[in-house]
Amino acid sequence: MNSEQMRDFAIAALDDIKAVNVIALDVRRASSVTDYMLIASGTSDRHVRSIVSSVVEAARERGIKPLGVEGEVHAQWALVDLGDVIVHVMKPDVREFYQLEKLWGFDSLAESKAR
């Protein structure tokens, strides 16, 4: 599976569980670690955990074992590492504080791929 297909199934999993403000950042020019960074918000701790579980399950259904899953316990900021795609799921206040979009050089949603 190529990185675009992986990005697309992860976005579908995020959409299915009603993740909020999902964006996909193409970081291939800025990183040799991954191709895409997906950023999404969950409305509560439980929602963040459910989103992470949905992405992990969608990956496993496609025969992809996540390289790592972090942050599920506290559910403020969780991460699913799929290799070519890294999914960040955060509560809105945490997302606002860290502003990963700006950190990666995307000053607006217009520069990223909003979904």
C-alpha atoms as a PDB file:
ATOM      1  CA  MET A   1       0.000   0.000   0.000  1.00  0.00           C
ATOM      2  CA  ASN A   2       1.430   3.390  -0.924  1.00  0.00           C
ATOM      3  CA  SER A   3       1.395   6.404   1.368  1.00  0.00           C
ATOM      4  CA  GLU A   4      -1.510   8.087  -0.433  1.00  0.00           C
ATOM      5  CA  GLN A   5      -3.705   5.009   0.009  1.00  0.00           C
ATOM      6  CA  MET A   6      -2.680   4.802   3.654  1.00  0.00           C
ATOM      7  CA  ARG A   7      -3.501   8.487   4.126  1.00  0.00           C
ATOM      8  CA  ASP A   8      -6.906   7.987   2.502  1.00  0.00           C
ATOM      9  CA  PHE A   9      -7.957   4.987   4.606  1.00  0.00           C
ATOM     10  CA  ALA A  10      -6.820   6.774   7.771  1.00  0.00           C
ATOM     11  CA  ILE A  11      -8.862   9.841   6.816  1.00  0.00           C
ATOM     12  CA  ALA A  12     -11.862   7.592   6.159  1.00  0.00           C
ATOM     13  CA  ALA A  13     -11.440   6.035   9.613  1.00  0.00           C
ATOM     14  CA  LEU A  14     -11.259   9.515  11.151  1.00  0.00           C
ATOM     15  CA  ASP A  15     -14.383  10.589   9.278  1.00  0.00           C
ATOM     16  CA  ASP A  16     -16.266   7.421  10.261  1.00  0.00           C
ATOM     17  CA  ILE A  17     -15.801   8.134  13.975  1.00  0.00           C
ATOM     18  CA  LYS A  18     -16.604  11.837  13.531  1.00  0.00           C
ATOM     19  CA  ALA A  19     -13.168  13.294  14.234  1.00  0.00           C
ATOM     20  CA  VAL A  20     -13.252  17.093  14.092  1.00  0.00           C
ATOM     21  CA  ASN A  21     -11.178  19.428  11.867  1.00  0.00           C
ATOM     22  CA  VAL A  22      -9.244  16.680  10.097  1.00  0.00           C
ATOM     23  CA  ILE A  23      -6.356  17.918   7.995  1.00  0.00           C
ATOM     24  CA  ALA A  24      -3.635  16.133   6.073  1.00  0.00           C
ATOM     25  CA  LEU A  25      -0.199  17.706   5.829  1.00  0.00           C
ATOM     26  CA  ASP A  26       2.135  16.551   3.078  1.00  0.00           C
ATOM     27  CA  VAL A  27       5.489  16.676   4.889  1.00  0.00           C
ATOM     28  CA  ARG A  28       7.578  14.772   2.330  1.00  0.00           C
ATOM     29  CA  ARG A  29       9.720  17.840   1.643  1.00  0.00           C
ATOM     30  CA  ALA A  30      10.239  18.569   5.330  1.00  0.00           C
ATOM     31  CA  SER A  31      10.709  15.090   6.787  1.00  0.00           C
ATOM     32  CA  SER A  32      12.430  11.857   5.917  1.00  0.00           C
ATOM     33  CA  VAL A  33      10.529  10.089   8.704  1.00  0.00           C
ATOM     34  CA  THR A  34       7.012  10.165   7.235  1.00  0.00           C
ATOM     35  CA  ASP A  35       5.098  11.331   4.167  1.00  0.00           C
ATOM     36  CA  TYR A  36       1.856  12.563   5.707  1.00  0.00           C
ATOM     37  CA  MET A  37       0.850  13.941   9.045  1.00  0.00           C
ATOM     38  CA  LEU A  38      -2.861  13.775   9.826  1.00  0.00           C
ATOM     39  CA  ILE A  39      -4.161  16.016  12.575  1.00  0.00           C
ATOM     40  CA  ALA A  40      -7.634  15.652  14.050  1.00  0.00           C
ATOM     41  CA  SER A  41      -9.500  16.715  17.149  1.00  0.00           C
ATOM     42  CA  GLY A  42     -11.665  14.706  19.490  1.00  0.00           C
ATOM     43  CA  THR A  43     -14.346  16.306  21.619  1.00  0.00           C
ATOM     44  CA  SER A  44     -13.549  14.426  24.846  1.00  0.00           C
ATOM     45  CA  ASP A  45     -11.075  11.946  26.310  1.00  0.00           C
ATOM     46  CA  ARG A  46     -13.391   9.101  25.317  1.00  0.00           C
ATOM     47  CA  HIS A  47     -13.719  10.458  21.781  1.00  0.00           C
ATOM     48  CA  VAL A  48      -9.922  10.726  21.411  1.00  0.00           C
ATOM     49  CA  ARG A  49      -9.539   7.100  22.533  1.00  0.00           C
ATOM     50  CA  SER A  50     -12.310   5.977  20.151  1.00  0.00           C
ATOM     51  CA  ILE A  51     -10.687   7.791  17.246  1.00  0.00           C
ATOM     52  CA  VAL A  52      -7.345   6.116  17.942  1.00  0.00           C
ATOM     53  CA  SER A  53      -9.019   2.705  18.184  1.00  0.00           C
ATOM     54  CA  SER A  54     -10.811   3.306  14.883  1.00  0.00           C
ATOM     55  CA  VAL A  55      -7.574   4.168  13.068  1.00  0.00           C
ATOM     56  CA  VAL A  56      -5.751   1.176  14.569  1.00  0.00           C
ATOM     57  CA  GLU A  57      -8.603  -1.175  13.619  1.00  0.00           C
ATOM     58  CA  ALA A  58      -8.758   0.194  10.064  1.00  0.00           C
ATOM     59  CA  ALA A  59      -5.009  -0.383   9.719  1.00  0.00           C
ATOM     60  CA  ARG A  60      -5.233  -3.945  11.026  1.00  0.00           C
ATOM     61  CA  GLU A  61      -8.100  -4.723   8.640  1.00  0.00           C
ATOM     62  CA  ARG A  62      -5.679  -3.854   5.845  1.00  0.00           C
ATOM     63  CA  GLY A  63      -2.869  -5.941   7.279  1.00  0.00           C
ATOM     64  CA  ILE A  64      -0.921  -2.969   8.627  1.00  0.00           C
ATOM     65  CA  LYS A  65       0.445  -3.186  12.140  1.00  0.00           C
ATOM     66  CA  PRO A  66       0.946   0.286  13.629  1.00  0.00           C
ATOM     67  CA  LEU A  67       4.560   0.962  14.557  1.00  0.00           C
ATOM     68  CA  GLY A  68       3.385   2.632  17.718  1.00  0.00           C
ATOM     69  CA  VAL A  69       0.416   4.059  19.562  1.00  0.00           C
ATOM     70  CA  GLU A  70       1.032   6.671  22.252  1.00  0.00           C
ATOM     71  CA  GLY A  71      -1.066   8.830  24.554  1.00  0.00           C
ATOM     72  CA  GLU A  72      -4.227   6.750  24.812  1.00  0.00           C
ATOM     73  CA  VAL A  73      -4.159   6.669  28.610  1.00  0.00           C
ATOM     74  CA  HIS A  74      -4.471  10.417  29.171  1.00  0.00           C
ATOM     75  CA  ALA A  75      -6.211  11.040  25.822  1.00  0.00           C
ATOM     76  CA  GLN A  76      -5.162  14.673  25.563  1.00  0.00           C
ATOM     77  CA  TRP A  77      -2.888  14.022  22.589  1.00  0.00           C
ATOM     78  CA  ALA A  78      -2.643  10.570  21.075  1.00  0.00           C
ATOM     79  CA  LEU A  79      -0.544   9.420  18.155  1.00  0.00           C
ATOM     80  CA  VAL A  80      -0.796   6.457  15.786  1.00  0.00           C
ATOM     81  CA  ASP A  81       2.398   5.800  13.807  1.00  0.00           C
ATOM     82  CA  LEU A  82       1.622   3.956  10.580  1.00  0.00           C
ATOM     83  CA  GLY A  83       5.068   4.591   9.102  1.00  0.00           C
ATOM     84  CA  ASP A  84       4.359   6.702   6.037  1.00  0.00           C
ATOM     85  CA  VAL A  85       1.418   8.310   7.831  1.00  0.00           C
ATOM     86  CA  ILE A  86       1.368   9.608  11.392  1.00  0.00           C
ATOM     87  CA  VAL A  87      -2.009  10.414  12.910  1.00  0.00           C
ATOM     88  CA  HIS A  88      -2.227  12.955  15.735  1.00  0.00           C
ATOM     89  CA  VAL A  89      -5.508  13.134  17.660  1.00  0.00           C
ATOM     90  CA  MET A  90      -5.869  15.932  20.191  1.00  0.00           C
ATOM     91  CA  LYS A  91      -8.418  17.653  22.299  1.00  0.00           C
ATOM     92  CA  PRO A  92      -9.089  21.151  20.886  1.00  0.00           C
ATOM     93  CA  ASP A  93      -7.265  23.066  23.651  1.00  0.00           C
ATOM     94  CA  VAL A  94      -4.142  20.932  23.235  1.00  0.00           C
ATOM     95  CA  ARG A  95      -4.279  21.323  19.460  1.00  0.00           C
ATOM     96  CA  GLU A  96      -4.570  25.091  19.807  1.00  0.00           C
ATOM     97  CA  PHE A  97      -1.646  25.212  22.235  1.00  0.00           C
ATOM     98  CA  TYR A  98       0.793  23.177  20.087  1.00  0.00           C
ATOM     99  CA  GLN A  99      -0.370  24.364  16.651  1.00  0.00           C
ATOM    100  CA  LEU A 100       1.311  21.533  14.744  1.00  0.00           C
ATOM    101  CA  GLU A 101       0.151  22.990  11.443  1.00  0.00           C
ATOM    102  CA  LYS A 102       2.288  26.068  12.037  1.00  0.00           C
ATOM    103  CA  LEU A 103       5.162  24.018  13.431  1.00  0.00           C
ATOM    104  CA  TRP A 104       5.325  22.147  10.107  1.00  0.00           C
ATOM    105  CA  GLY A 105       5.220  25.408   8.149  1.00  0.00           C
ATOM    106  CA  PHE A 106       1.550  25.526   7.226  1.00  0.00           C
ATOM    107  CA  ASP A 107       0.213  28.908   8.294  1.00  0.00           C
ATOM    108  CA  SER A 108      -3.372  28.220   7.292  1.00  0.00           C
ATOM    109  CA  LEU A 109      -5.763  25.452   6.463  1.00  0.00           C
ATOM    110  CA  ALA A 110      -5.674  26.681   2.864  1.00  0.00           C
ATOM    111  CA  GLU A 111      -2.060  25.508   2.652  1.00  0.00           C
ATOM    112  CA  SER A 112      -2.870  22.126   4.096  1.00  0.00           C
ATOM    113  CA  LYS A 113      -5.368  19.653   2.768  1.00  0.00           C
ATOM    114  CA  ALA A 114      -8.511  20.191   4.819  1.00  0.00           C
ATOM    115  CA  ARG A 115     -11.064  17.374   4.940  1.00  0.00           C
END
